[in-house]
Amino acid sequence: MASVDHRTAATRPATADTLAELLRSLSAAGDRGVHHDDHFVCWSEHLTESARRGNALRAHLPADAPPHVGVLMENTAEFSLLLGAAALGAFVLVGLNTTRRGAALATDIATADCQIVLTHRPTRHLLDELDPESLDGVRVLDVDGIEYAGMLVDIDCREPDFGPISPDDLMMLIFTSGTTGDPKAVRCTQRKFAASGRMLADRFGIDHTDVVYLSMPMFHSNAVIAGWSVALAGGASVVVRQRFSASGFLPDVRRYGVTFANYVGKPLHYILATPPSPDDADNSLRIMYGNEASATDRERFAARFGCRVVDGFGSTEGGVAITRTPDTPPSALGPLRPPTAIVDPETGTPVSVGEVGEIVNASGPGLFSGYYDDEAATADRMRGGVYHTGDLGWVDDAGYLHFAGRLGDWLRVDGENLGTSPIERILLRHPQIEQAAVYGVPVEIGDEIEAVLVVSDDLDPERFADFLTAQPDLGPKQWPHRVRFVGEMPTTATHKIVKRALREGDPEPQWRRVGRAYHRCRS
């Protein structure tokens, strides 16, 4: 573990409940800050420049409307400065997903009550493609442009004072990924970021000697909660990568001395696909932290790059947190501990060991503060005073919790409830299968299981059946009834597979199962 500089730690509030406190604690830090390409801004200057942007943008926000500023940008140092301005209470930052297009993007802007939308050169065209009427009343500013630069000239760079900042103050709106339904704007408070940042910094011993790597999109909760906030809480530096690059990962780690990086989805898999080198483990990386990586990828990544890989469980909403322990089996999320529980989604009663149910927080909302301007969705998430994740899980005989997919992925086969995630994990053991998505196709009674696969080479139906037969943990009802092959999966900006896009207009599969044999039904 890196050593602690007691002088630096003493200036940082040990129980800071807001990001504003964490940012202010670095006001004298001239040796650490934010790196982006060849540019560097120390935390001291970062605080000043965040205040400048807060004062400038607040002056252009209407007094009779929510002070919401949409940021439609890839990762840059400017994005970090804007996060700082939001942390100081100047406005609520709305993270706009750069993979959204057309009417969907316009809907997000309207849903979040954006008064100003900030773009830069790589994303400006996304607004040009919208119906002008959909942006009626919304001011659009290009942070690379002359108008924005002019707004910052002669602006007071003292910290803005918009009243006391409370832990429960809204700081950011972050849209859910929308993998199983339309994205919703999650209310993210100062407390959510500060508490998560402090917890992770303490857990991994992050201090002033560390360098945190951000390559996941900063409009998403993973980058802000598991990266940017961690750096603030630990007094560490940050490296901002404009967009994730598998081939650029290790060179960046070595160039900047990265010690901590976060991920969500498939990045570990993509990095492992790059050509290996005998000196891959010769690097500064200590911790790779994230979620949704396979057990195989975690083990291979740790061995190849000489670091510790920790895969957690969480969501943008923040209602449930499950912590992996050293003795947690590779396939499990961690031990099931109150107030987390597994219940029947319909009755709310606890399920038996080995039975699939919904993961809930039985004590209440956790760090969930509701969805913005959507009381119905908030009430549904908190029905009965219990926070419902919408995620499925099951508990083994030793008390460890296993992920089983999303509630929308619930399968009913021959009268038995099944989750999709265990089936996907088994399919990914096949050396030719690179990606797998499993979901149910409704039939007269229950569902048929469809597996959509991305493969490296042509798969033989007979050998595929032999592979399934050889898997000791694949039950007879978990065999896919239908198999479809695609060249690539539809994914979100955080590399999550969008199953609803696969379901829409679902064509006939290439293979169908009869008994324990697969037959080609189309080429």
Protein backbone atom coordinates (compact mmCIF):
# COMPACT_ATOMS: atom_id res chain seq x y z
CA MET A 1 0.00 0.00 0.00
CA ALA A 2 1.24 3.47 -0.86
CA SER A 3 2.48 5.50 2.11
CA VAL A 4 0.32 8.28 3.53
CA ASP A 5 1.51 11.87 3.60
CA HIS A 6 0.15 12.89 7.02
CA ARG A 7 0.50 16.60 6.27
CA THR A 8 -1.69 16.26 3.16
CA ALA A 9 -4.17 13.91 4.84
CA ALA A 10 -4.55 16.30 7.77
CA THR A 11 -5.86 19.05 5.47
CA ARG A 12 -8.53 16.80 4.06
CA PRO A 13 -11.78 16.51 6.05
CA ALA A 14 -11.93 12.93 7.28
CA THR A 15 -15.72 12.89 7.29
CA ALA A 16 -16.44 15.11 4.27
CA ASP A 17 -20.07 14.64 3.23
CA THR A 18 -19.87 16.75 0.06
CA LEU A 19 -17.66 16.85 -2.99
CA ALA A 20 -17.30 20.57 -2.41
CA GLU A 21 -15.43 19.85 0.85
CA LEU A 22 -13.19 17.30 -0.85
CA LEU A 23 -12.36 19.70 -3.69
CA ARG A 24 -11.67 22.60 -1.34
CA SER A 25 -9.31 20.43 0.70
CA LEU A 26 -7.00 20.35 -2.34
CA SER A 27 -6.88 24.14 -2.75
CA ALA A 28 -3.15 24.21 -1.92
CA ALA A 29 -2.20 21.14 -3.98
CA GLY A 30 0.11 22.35 -6.73
CA ASP A 31 1.85 19.02 -7.32
CA ARG A 32 -1.22 16.91 -8.20
CA GLY A 33 -4.16 17.43 -10.49
CA VAL A 34 -5.65 16.46 -13.86
CA HIS A 35 -3.62 15.21 -16.82
CA HIS A 36 -5.08 15.16 -20.35
CA ASP A 37 -2.70 14.34 -23.21
CA ASP A 38 0.23 16.74 -22.73
CA HIS A 39 -1.75 19.20 -20.58
CA PHE A 40 -1.82 19.35 -16.78
CA VAL A 41 -3.87 21.47 -14.38
CA CYS A 42 -3.05 21.19 -10.68
CA TRP A 43 -5.88 20.89 -8.15
CA SER A 44 -5.24 24.41 -6.88
CA GLU A 45 -5.71 25.86 -10.35
CA HIS A 46 -8.55 23.41 -11.01
CA LEU A 47 -10.48 24.88 -8.08
CA THR A 48 -9.95 28.40 -9.43
CA GLU A 49 -10.97 27.48 -12.98
CA SER A 50 -14.01 25.53 -11.79
CA ALA A 51 -15.10 28.63 -9.87
CA ARG A 52 -14.60 30.74 -13.00
CA ARG A 53 -16.84 28.43 -15.04
CA GLY A 54 -19.41 28.27 -12.28
CA ASN A 55 -19.70 32.05 -12.08
CA ALA A 56 -19.76 32.46 -15.87
CA LEU A 57 -22.42 29.86 -16.59
CA ARG A 58 -24.59 30.76 -13.60
CA ALA A 59 -24.78 34.33 -14.95
CA HIS A 60 -26.35 32.97 -18.16
CA LEU A 61 -28.85 30.62 -16.50
CA PRO A 62 -32.44 31.89 -16.25
CA ALA A 63 -33.53 32.70 -12.71
CA ASP A 64 -36.96 31.10 -13.13
CA ALA A 65 -35.82 27.66 -14.32
CA PRO A 66 -33.77 24.77 -12.89
CA PRO A 67 -30.04 25.62 -13.13
CA HIS A 68 -29.27 22.59 -15.26
CA VAL A 69 -26.29 22.52 -17.64
CA GLY A 70 -26.09 19.61 -20.06
CA VAL A 71 -22.62 18.39 -21.01
CA LEU A 72 -22.53 16.54 -24.32
CA MET A 73 -18.79 15.90 -24.47
CA GLU A 74 -16.20 13.18 -24.51
CA ASN A 75 -13.69 13.04 -21.67
CA THR A 76 -11.54 16.17 -21.41
CA ALA A 77 -9.96 18.30 -18.72
CA GLU A 78 -12.76 20.80 -19.40
CA PHE A 79 -15.31 18.15 -18.36
CA SER A 80 -13.42 17.80 -15.06
CA LEU A 81 -13.50 21.58 -14.54
CA LEU A 82 -17.26 21.56 -15.13
CA LEU A 83 -17.70 18.75 -12.60
CA GLY A 84 -15.80 20.95 -10.17
CA ALA A 85 -18.14 23.86 -10.87
CA ALA A 86 -21.14 21.63 -10.18
CA ALA A 87 -19.49 20.41 -6.96
CA LEU A 88 -19.14 24.04 -5.85
CA GLY A 89 -22.90 24.47 -6.22
CA ALA A 90 -22.96 26.67 -9.34
CA PHE A 91 -25.36 24.43 -11.27
CA VAL A 92 -26.53 20.85 -11.72
CA LEU A 93 -24.48 19.08 -14.36
CA VAL A 94 -26.48 16.81 -16.68
CA GLY A 95 -24.42 14.04 -18.24
CA LEU A 96 -25.65 13.61 -21.82
CA ASN A 97 -24.85 10.30 -23.48
CA THR A 98 -22.76 10.82 -26.62
CA THR A 99 -24.11 7.61 -28.16
CA ARG A 100 -27.70 8.90 -28.17
CA ARG A 101 -29.02 10.29 -31.43
CA GLY A 102 -31.90 12.31 -32.87
CA ALA A 103 -35.19 12.31 -31.00
CA ALA A 104 -33.74 10.18 -28.18
CA LEU A 105 -31.06 12.78 -27.44
CA ALA A 106 -33.58 15.62 -27.68
CA THR A 107 -35.81 13.77 -25.21
CA ASP A 108 -32.93 13.46 -22.71
CA ILE A 109 -32.21 17.20 -22.95
CA ALA A 110 -35.87 18.05 -22.39
CA THR A 111 -36.37 15.46 -19.63
CA ALA A 112 -33.47 16.91 -17.64
CA ASP A 113 -34.65 20.54 -18.09
CA CYS A 114 -31.32 21.60 -19.62
CA GLN A 115 -31.12 25.38 -19.99
CA ILE A 116 -27.63 25.29 -21.51
CA VAL A 117 -25.94 22.45 -23.41
CA LEU A 118 -22.15 22.40 -23.75
CA THR A 119 -20.45 20.57 -26.60
CA HIS A 120 -17.03 20.44 -28.22
CA ARG A 121 -15.71 19.63 -31.68
CA PRO A 122 -16.14 15.81 -31.52
CA THR A 123 -19.82 16.07 -30.48
CA ARG A 124 -21.16 19.35 -31.91
CA HIS A 125 -22.62 17.56 -34.95
CA LEU A 126 -24.95 15.55 -32.69
CA LEU A 127 -26.96 18.72 -31.98
CA ASP A 128 -26.79 19.86 -35.59
CA GLU A 129 -28.71 16.70 -36.49
CA LEU A 130 -31.65 17.55 -34.19
CA ASP A 131 -34.88 19.22 -35.15
CA PRO A 132 -34.27 22.89 -34.21
CA GLU A 133 -37.68 23.05 -32.51
CA SER A 134 -36.58 20.35 -30.05
CA LEU A 135 -33.93 22.75 -28.70
CA ASP A 136 -36.23 25.73 -28.47
CA GLY A 137 -35.06 27.88 -25.56
CA VAL A 138 -31.89 25.83 -24.95
CA ARG A 139 -28.64 27.74 -25.34
CA VAL A 140 -25.90 25.71 -27.04
CA LEU A 141 -22.24 26.57 -26.42
CA ASP A 142 -19.14 25.00 -27.94
CA VAL A 143 -16.40 24.98 -25.29
CA ASP A 144 -13.81 25.12 -28.10
CA GLY A 145 -15.47 28.21 -29.56
CA ILE A 146 -14.93 31.95 -29.32
CA GLU A 147 -18.22 32.67 -27.54
CA TYR A 148 -17.43 30.35 -24.64
CA ALA A 149 -13.88 31.66 -24.32
CA GLY A 150 -15.26 35.20 -24.25
CA MET A 151 -17.64 34.30 -21.43
CA LEU A 152 -14.70 33.32 -19.24
CA VAL A 153 -12.72 36.53 -19.78
CA ASP A 154 -12.75 38.96 -16.84
CA ILE A 155 -14.97 36.61 -14.82
CA ASP A 156 -14.51 36.50 -11.06
CA CYS A 157 -12.65 33.29 -10.29
CA ARG A 158 -13.32 33.37 -6.57
CA GLU A 159 -15.37 30.44 -5.37
CA PRO A 160 -19.05 31.11 -6.11
CA ASP A 161 -21.33 31.53 -3.12
CA PHE A 162 -24.81 30.26 -3.85
CA GLY A 163 -25.56 29.45 -0.24
CA PRO A 164 -24.45 26.58 1.99
CA ILE A 165 -23.89 23.25 0.24
CA SER A 166 -25.75 20.34 1.81
CA PRO A 167 -24.93 16.64 1.38
CA ASP A 168 -28.42 16.16 -0.04
CA ASP A 169 -28.07 18.92 -2.65
CA LEU A 170 -28.53 17.72 -6.21
CA MET A 171 -25.19 17.91 -8.02
CA MET A 172 -25.64 15.85 -11.17
CA LEU A 173 -28.24 14.04 -13.27
CA ILE A 174 -26.94 10.83 -14.79
CA PHE A 175 -29.00 8.78 -17.21
CA THR A 176 -29.25 5.03 -16.78
CA SER A 177 -27.79 2.92 -19.58
CA GLY A 178 -31.17 1.93 -20.97
CA THR A 179 -30.17 -1.67 -21.68
CA THR A 180 -33.65 -3.00 -20.87
CA GLY A 181 -35.83 0.15 -21.12
CA ASP A 182 -35.76 3.87 -21.79
CA PRO A 183 -33.02 5.72 -19.86
CA LYS A 184 -34.08 7.57 -16.72
CA ALA A 185 -32.33 10.56 -15.15
CA VAL A 186 -30.98 9.54 -11.74
CA ARG A 187 -30.68 12.28 -9.10
CA CYS A 188 -27.09 12.21 -7.83
CA THR A 189 -26.40 14.21 -4.69
CA GLN A 190 -23.22 15.56 -3.18
CA ARG A 191 -23.47 12.80 -0.56
CA LYS A 192 -23.60 10.01 -3.16
CA PHE A 193 -20.29 11.03 -4.73
CA ALA A 194 -18.52 11.99 -1.51
CA ALA A 195 -19.53 8.86 0.41
CA SER A 196 -18.64 6.53 -2.48
CA GLY A 197 -15.34 8.29 -3.14
CA ARG A 198 -14.29 8.18 0.51
CA MET A 199 -15.29 4.52 0.88
CA LEU A 200 -13.31 3.41 -2.18
CA ALA A 201 -10.29 5.59 -1.36
CA ASP A 202 -10.17 4.07 2.12
CA ARG A 203 -10.73 0.56 0.84
CA PHE A 204 -7.88 0.71 -1.68
CA GLY A 205 -5.52 3.00 0.22
CA ILE A 206 -5.67 5.78 -2.37
CA ASP A 207 -3.55 8.78 -1.34
CA HIS A 208 -1.49 11.65 -2.76
CA THR A 209 0.99 9.23 -4.38
CA ASP A 210 -1.69 7.61 -6.57
CA VAL A 211 -2.77 8.36 -10.13
CA VAL A 212 -6.36 7.52 -11.12
CA TYR A 213 -7.11 6.66 -14.76
CA LEU A 214 -10.44 7.74 -16.30
CA SER A 215 -11.23 6.24 -19.70
CA MET A 216 -14.88 5.36 -19.09
CA PRO A 217 -17.23 8.16 -20.24
CA MET A 218 -17.55 10.94 -17.68
CA PHE A 219 -21.25 11.40 -18.38
CA HIS A 220 -21.73 8.02 -16.69
CA SER A 221 -21.74 7.18 -13.00
CA ASN A 222 -18.88 4.68 -13.16
CA ALA A 223 -16.30 7.34 -14.09
CA VAL A 224 -17.53 9.91 -11.57
CA ILE A 225 -18.27 7.60 -8.63
CA ALA A 226 -15.51 5.01 -9.07
CA GLY A 227 -12.86 7.33 -10.50
CA TRP A 228 -13.08 11.11 -10.20
CA SER A 229 -14.59 11.10 -6.70
CA VAL A 230 -12.05 8.53 -5.54
CA ALA A 231 -9.20 10.78 -6.67
CA LEU A 232 -10.65 13.77 -4.80
CA ALA A 233 -11.18 11.72 -1.64
CA GLY A 234 -7.63 10.40 -1.73
CA GLY A 235 -5.96 13.60 -2.89
CA ALA A 236 -4.65 11.75 -5.96
CA SER A 237 -4.02 12.87 -9.52
CA VAL A 238 -6.31 12.02 -12.44
CA VAL A 239 -5.53 11.04 -16.02
CA VAL A 240 -8.42 11.79 -18.38
CA ARG A 241 -8.49 9.73 -21.57
CA GLN A 242 -10.81 11.15 -24.23
CA ARG A 243 -12.20 7.70 -25.00
CA PHE A 244 -11.27 4.17 -24.04
CA SER A 245 -8.56 2.49 -26.11
CA ALA A 246 -7.52 -1.11 -25.50
CA SER A 247 -4.18 -0.63 -27.29
CA GLY A 248 -3.57 2.69 -25.53
CA PHE A 249 -4.25 1.41 -22.02
CA LEU A 250 -0.84 0.03 -21.04
CA PRO A 251 1.13 2.86 -22.71
CA ASP A 252 -0.98 5.35 -20.72
CA VAL A 253 -0.40 3.45 -17.47
CA ARG A 254 3.34 3.63 -18.02
CA ARG A 255 3.40 7.21 -19.30
CA TYR A 256 1.52 8.69 -16.33
CA GLY A 257 2.37 6.18 -13.61
CA VAL A 258 -1.26 5.09 -13.23
CA THR A 259 -1.95 3.09 -10.06
CA PHE A 260 -5.78 2.85 -10.05
CA ALA A 261 -8.20 2.46 -12.97
CA ASN A 262 -11.94 1.86 -13.15
CA TYR A 263 -13.99 0.01 -15.76
CA VAL A 264 -17.49 -1.15 -16.54
CA GLY A 265 -18.49 -3.87 -18.98
CA LYS A 266 -15.96 -5.37 -21.40
CA PRO A 267 -12.74 -3.25 -21.23
CA LEU A 268 -10.72 -6.00 -19.53
CA HIS A 269 -11.68 -8.37 -22.33
CA TYR A 270 -10.68 -5.89 -25.00
CA ILE A 271 -7.33 -5.13 -23.36
CA LEU A 272 -6.60 -8.86 -23.03
CA ALA A 273 -7.21 -9.21 -26.77
CA THR A 274 -4.19 -6.99 -27.52
CA PRO A 275 -0.92 -8.81 -28.34
CA PRO A 276 0.82 -9.89 -25.11
CA SER A 277 4.39 -8.93 -24.25
CA PRO A 278 6.78 -10.56 -21.75
CA ASP A 279 7.05 -7.28 -19.82
CA ASP A 280 3.30 -6.56 -19.52
CA ALA A 281 3.52 -6.83 -15.73
CA ASP A 282 6.25 -4.18 -15.64
CA ASN A 283 3.95 -1.27 -14.85
CA SER A 284 2.68 0.86 -11.96
CA LEU A 285 -0.95 -0.38 -11.86
CA ARG A 286 -2.07 -1.61 -8.42
CA ILE A 287 -5.86 -1.77 -8.63
CA MET A 288 -8.34 -2.33 -11.46
CA TYR A 289 -11.83 -1.73 -10.06
CA GLY A 290 -15.20 -2.04 -11.79
CA ASN A 291 -18.07 -4.35 -12.55
CA GLU A 292 -19.40 -6.86 -15.04
CA ALA A 293 -16.06 -8.45 -15.98
CA SER A 294 -16.04 -12.23 -16.23
CA ALA A 295 -14.16 -14.30 -13.68
CA THR A 296 -11.88 -15.59 -16.44
CA ASP A 297 -11.01 -12.08 -17.63
CA ARG A 298 -10.35 -10.91 -14.05
CA GLU A 299 -7.96 -13.78 -13.40
CA ARG A 300 -6.12 -13.39 -16.73
CA PHE A 301 -5.85 -9.60 -16.39
CA ALA A 302 -4.42 -9.77 -12.87
CA ALA A 303 -1.85 -12.38 -13.90
CA ARG A 304 -0.80 -10.63 -17.10
CA PHE A 305 -0.52 -7.08 -15.74
CA GLY A 306 0.57 -7.86 -12.19
CA CYS A 307 -2.26 -6.03 -10.42
CA ARG A 308 -5.28 -6.70 -8.26
CA VAL A 309 -8.65 -6.81 -10.06
CA VAL A 310 -11.73 -6.16 -7.94
CA ASP A 311 -15.16 -6.55 -9.50
CA GLY A 312 -18.02 -5.03 -7.52
CA PHE A 313 -21.76 -4.69 -7.90
CA GLY A 314 -23.68 -1.46 -8.15
CA SER A 315 -25.74 0.81 -10.34
CA THR A 316 -26.19 4.47 -11.12
CA GLU A 317 -29.01 4.60 -8.59
CA GLY A 318 -26.75 3.47 -5.73
CA GLY A 319 -29.44 1.60 -3.79
CA VAL A 320 -27.44 -1.56 -3.15
CA ALA A 321 -23.71 -2.14 -2.67
CA ILE A 322 -22.17 -5.62 -2.45
CA THR A 323 -18.53 -5.96 -1.48
CA ARG A 324 -16.38 -8.86 -2.61
CA THR A 325 -14.32 -10.48 0.17
CA PRO A 326 -11.00 -12.31 -0.30
CA ASP A 327 -12.75 -15.67 0.09
CA THR A 328 -15.55 -14.89 -2.40
CA PRO A 329 -15.66 -17.52 -5.19
CA PRO A 330 -14.70 -16.08 -8.61
CA SER A 331 -18.23 -16.54 -9.96
CA ALA A 332 -19.94 -14.77 -7.02
CA LEU A 333 -20.48 -11.08 -6.20
CA GLY A 334 -19.77 -11.42 -2.50
CA PRO A 335 -21.41 -12.68 0.69
CA LEU A 336 -25.10 -11.89 1.14
CA ARG A 337 -25.31 -9.53 4.11
CA PRO A 338 -28.24 -7.54 5.49
CA PRO A 339 -29.85 -5.32 4.46
CA THR A 340 -29.31 -6.89 1.01
CA ALA A 341 -31.78 -9.70 0.40
CA ILE A 342 -33.07 -11.95 -2.41
CA VAL A 343 -36.85 -11.96 -2.73
CA ASP A 344 -39.56 -13.22 -5.03
CA PRO A 345 -40.26 -10.29 -7.41
CA GLU A 346 -44.02 -10.82 -7.19
CA THR A 347 -44.58 -11.55 -3.49
CA GLY A 348 -41.55 -9.85 -1.92
CA THR A 349 -40.88 -12.87 0.29
CA PRO A 350 -37.32 -14.23 0.68
CA VAL A 351 -36.44 -17.10 -1.66
CA SER A 352 -34.68 -20.33 -0.74
CA VAL A 353 -31.00 -21.11 -1.26
CA GLY A 354 -30.33 -21.75 -4.94
CA GLU A 355 -33.56 -20.09 -6.08
CA VAL A 356 -33.44 -17.05 -8.37
CA GLY A 357 -35.00 -13.86 -7.02
CA GLU A 358 -34.62 -10.09 -7.12
CA ILE A 359 -31.76 -8.35 -5.29
CA VAL A 360 -33.18 -5.69 -2.94
CA ASN A 361 -32.18 -3.37 -0.13
CA ALA A 362 -34.67 -4.33 2.56
CA SER A 363 -33.80 -1.31 4.76
CA GLY A 364 -34.65 1.45 2.29
CA PRO A 365 -33.16 3.57 -0.50
CA GLY A 366 -29.46 3.44 0.34
CA LEU A 367 -27.89 6.25 -1.72
CA PHE A 368 -30.83 6.37 -4.16
CA SER A 369 -32.40 9.86 -4.26
CA GLY A 370 -35.00 9.18 -6.92
CA TYR A 371 -35.38 9.85 -10.63
CA TYR A 372 -35.65 13.42 -11.81
CA ASP A 373 -39.25 14.50 -12.52
CA ASP A 374 -40.46 10.88 -12.58
CA GLU A 375 -42.40 10.12 -9.42
CA ALA A 376 -43.96 6.98 -10.88
CA ALA A 377 -40.59 5.38 -11.68
CA THR A 378 -39.21 6.42 -8.28
CA ALA A 379 -42.22 4.94 -6.49
CA ASP A 380 -41.90 1.70 -8.45
CA ARG A 381 -38.23 1.42 -7.52
CA MET A 382 -39.11 2.00 -3.83
CA ARG A 383 -42.38 0.07 -3.61
CA GLY A 384 -43.12 -1.19 -0.13
CA GLY A 385 -40.29 0.92 1.30
CA VAL A 386 -37.79 -1.54 -0.21
CA TYR A 387 -35.25 -0.57 -2.87
CA HIS A 388 -35.72 -2.89 -5.86
CA THR A 389 -32.63 -3.23 -8.07
CA GLY A 390 -34.34 -4.95 -10.98
CA ASP A 391 -31.40 -7.39 -10.89
CA LEU A 392 -31.71 -11.12 -10.34
CA GLY A 393 -29.53 -13.22 -8.09
CA TRP A 394 -29.30 -16.44 -6.13
CA VAL A 395 -27.41 -17.56 -3.02
CA ASP A 396 -25.32 -20.71 -2.80
CA ASP A 397 -25.06 -23.05 0.17
CA ALA A 398 -22.09 -21.08 1.55
CA GLY A 399 -24.04 -17.81 1.56
CA TYR A 400 -22.45 -16.15 -1.48
CA LEU A 401 -24.57 -14.10 -3.85
CA HIS A 402 -24.46 -14.78 -7.61
CA PHE A 403 -25.74 -12.47 -10.34
CA ALA A 404 -28.42 -13.98 -12.59
CA GLY A 405 -29.32 -11.16 -14.99
CA ARG A 406 -31.85 -8.36 -15.17
CA LEU A 407 -35.47 -8.74 -14.13
CA GLY A 408 -36.38 -8.15 -17.78
CA ASP A 409 -34.23 -11.22 -18.57
CA TRP A 410 -36.30 -13.46 -16.32
CA LEU A 411 -36.98 -16.76 -18.11
CA ARG A 412 -39.76 -19.22 -17.44
CA VAL A 413 -38.87 -22.64 -18.85
CA ASP A 414 -41.00 -25.68 -18.06
CA GLY A 415 -42.38 -23.99 -14.97
CA GLU A 416 -38.97 -22.96 -13.59
CA ASN A 417 -37.65 -19.40 -13.23
CA LEU A 418 -34.16 -18.95 -14.70
CA GLY A 419 -31.71 -16.07 -14.99
CA THR A 420 -29.77 -15.37 -18.17
CA SER A 421 -26.40 -14.37 -16.72
CA PRO A 422 -25.33 -17.89 -15.59
CA ILE A 423 -26.06 -19.22 -19.08
CA GLU A 424 -24.05 -16.41 -20.68
CA ARG A 425 -21.08 -17.06 -18.41
CA ILE A 426 -21.06 -20.75 -19.39
CA LEU A 427 -21.30 -19.98 -23.12
CA LEU A 428 -18.29 -17.65 -22.83
CA ARG A 429 -16.15 -20.60 -21.74
CA HIS A 430 -16.21 -21.82 -25.34
CA PRO A 431 -12.93 -20.75 -26.98
CA GLN A 432 -14.68 -19.56 -30.17
CA ILE A 433 -17.41 -17.50 -28.45
CA GLU A 434 -16.33 -13.89 -27.90
CA GLN A 435 -19.65 -12.40 -26.76
CA ALA A 436 -22.96 -13.91 -25.70
CA ALA A 437 -26.39 -12.48 -24.98
CA VAL A 438 -29.25 -14.67 -23.76
CA TYR A 439 -32.92 -13.75 -23.47
CA GLY A 440 -36.35 -15.36 -23.57
CA VAL A 441 -38.59 -15.58 -26.61
CA PRO A 442 -42.23 -16.01 -25.48
CA VAL A 443 -43.99 -19.13 -26.76
CA GLU A 444 -47.44 -20.57 -26.02
CA ILE A 445 -46.35 -21.63 -22.52
CA GLY A 446 -43.33 -19.91 -20.97
CA ASP A 447 -40.21 -18.98 -22.93
CA GLU A 448 -37.70 -20.43 -25.31
CA ILE A 449 -34.08 -19.49 -24.65
CA GLU A 450 -32.35 -17.64 -27.45
CA ALA A 451 -28.56 -17.22 -27.47
CA VAL A 452 -27.07 -14.51 -29.68
CA LEU A 453 -23.37 -15.09 -30.24
CA VAL A 454 -20.34 -13.33 -31.66
CA VAL A 455 -17.80 -16.00 -32.65
CA SER A 456 -14.21 -15.91 -33.87
CA ASP A 457 -14.67 -18.87 -36.28
CA ASP A 458 -17.54 -20.91 -37.64
CA LEU A 459 -19.16 -22.97 -34.93
CA ASP A 460 -20.12 -26.58 -35.56
CA PRO A 461 -23.58 -27.50 -34.20
CA GLU A 462 -22.59 -31.00 -33.12
CA ARG A 463 -19.46 -29.84 -31.31
CA PHE A 464 -21.43 -27.02 -29.71
CA ALA A 465 -23.85 -29.57 -28.26
CA ASP A 466 -20.90 -31.64 -27.03
CA PHE A 467 -19.52 -28.52 -25.32
CA LEU A 468 -22.82 -27.89 -23.52
CA THR A 469 -23.04 -31.52 -22.44
CA ALA A 470 -19.58 -31.23 -20.87
CA GLN A 471 -20.53 -28.25 -18.66
CA PRO A 472 -21.31 -29.66 -15.20
CA ASP A 473 -23.17 -26.54 -14.00
CA LEU A 474 -25.47 -26.19 -17.02
CA GLY A 475 -28.88 -27.57 -16.14
CA PRO A 476 -31.03 -29.35 -18.76
CA LYS A 477 -33.49 -26.44 -18.84
CA GLN A 478 -30.70 -23.90 -19.45
CA TRP A 479 -29.78 -25.17 -22.93
CA PRO A 480 -30.58 -22.55 -25.60
CA HIS A 481 -33.49 -23.52 -27.85
CA ARG A 482 -32.38 -21.09 -30.55
CA VAL A 483 -28.94 -19.81 -31.58
CA ARG A 484 -28.32 -16.70 -33.67
CA PHE A 485 -24.98 -15.33 -34.86
CA VAL A 486 -24.17 -11.64 -35.34
CA GLY A 487 -21.05 -9.77 -36.41
CA GLU A 488 -21.22 -7.38 -33.45
CA MET A 489 -23.43 -6.63 -30.49
CA PRO A 490 -25.30 -3.36 -30.00
CA THR A 491 -23.72 -1.77 -26.93
CA THR A 492 -23.95 1.30 -24.74
CA ALA A 493 -21.09 3.77 -24.28
CA THR A 494 -20.02 1.69 -21.28
CA HIS A 495 -19.85 -1.51 -23.34
CA LYS A 496 -23.04 -3.10 -22.01
CA ILE A 497 -25.00 -5.20 -24.50
CA VAL A 498 -28.39 -3.68 -25.36
CA LYS A 499 -30.64 -6.73 -25.40
CA ARG A 500 -33.76 -4.82 -26.31
CA ALA A 501 -32.08 -3.90 -29.60
CA LEU A 502 -31.41 -7.59 -30.24
CA ARG A 503 -35.01 -8.48 -29.47
CA GLU A 504 -36.50 -5.82 -31.76
CA GLY A 505 -37.33 -7.34 -35.11
CA ASP A 506 -35.63 -10.56 -33.99
CA PRO A 507 -35.03 -12.62 -37.18
CA GLU A 508 -35.17 -16.38 -37.39
CA PRO A 509 -32.20 -18.04 -35.69
CA GLN A 510 -29.56 -19.94 -37.65
CA TRP A 511 -29.91 -23.00 -35.40
CA ARG A 512 -32.76 -24.65 -33.53
CA ARG A 513 -32.49 -27.33 -30.91
CA VAL A 514 -34.34 -30.64 -31.12
CA GLY A 515 -33.69 -32.74 -28.04
CA ARG A 516 -29.96 -32.34 -27.40
CA ALA A 517 -29.02 -31.70 -31.03
CA TYR A 518 -28.79 -28.43 -32.97
CA HIS A 519 -29.94 -28.23 -36.57
CA ARG A 520 -29.23 -25.48 -39.08
CA CYS A 521 -32.39 -23.74 -40.23
CA ARG A 522 -30.71 -20.98 -42.27
CA SER A 523 -27.21 -20.09 -43.35
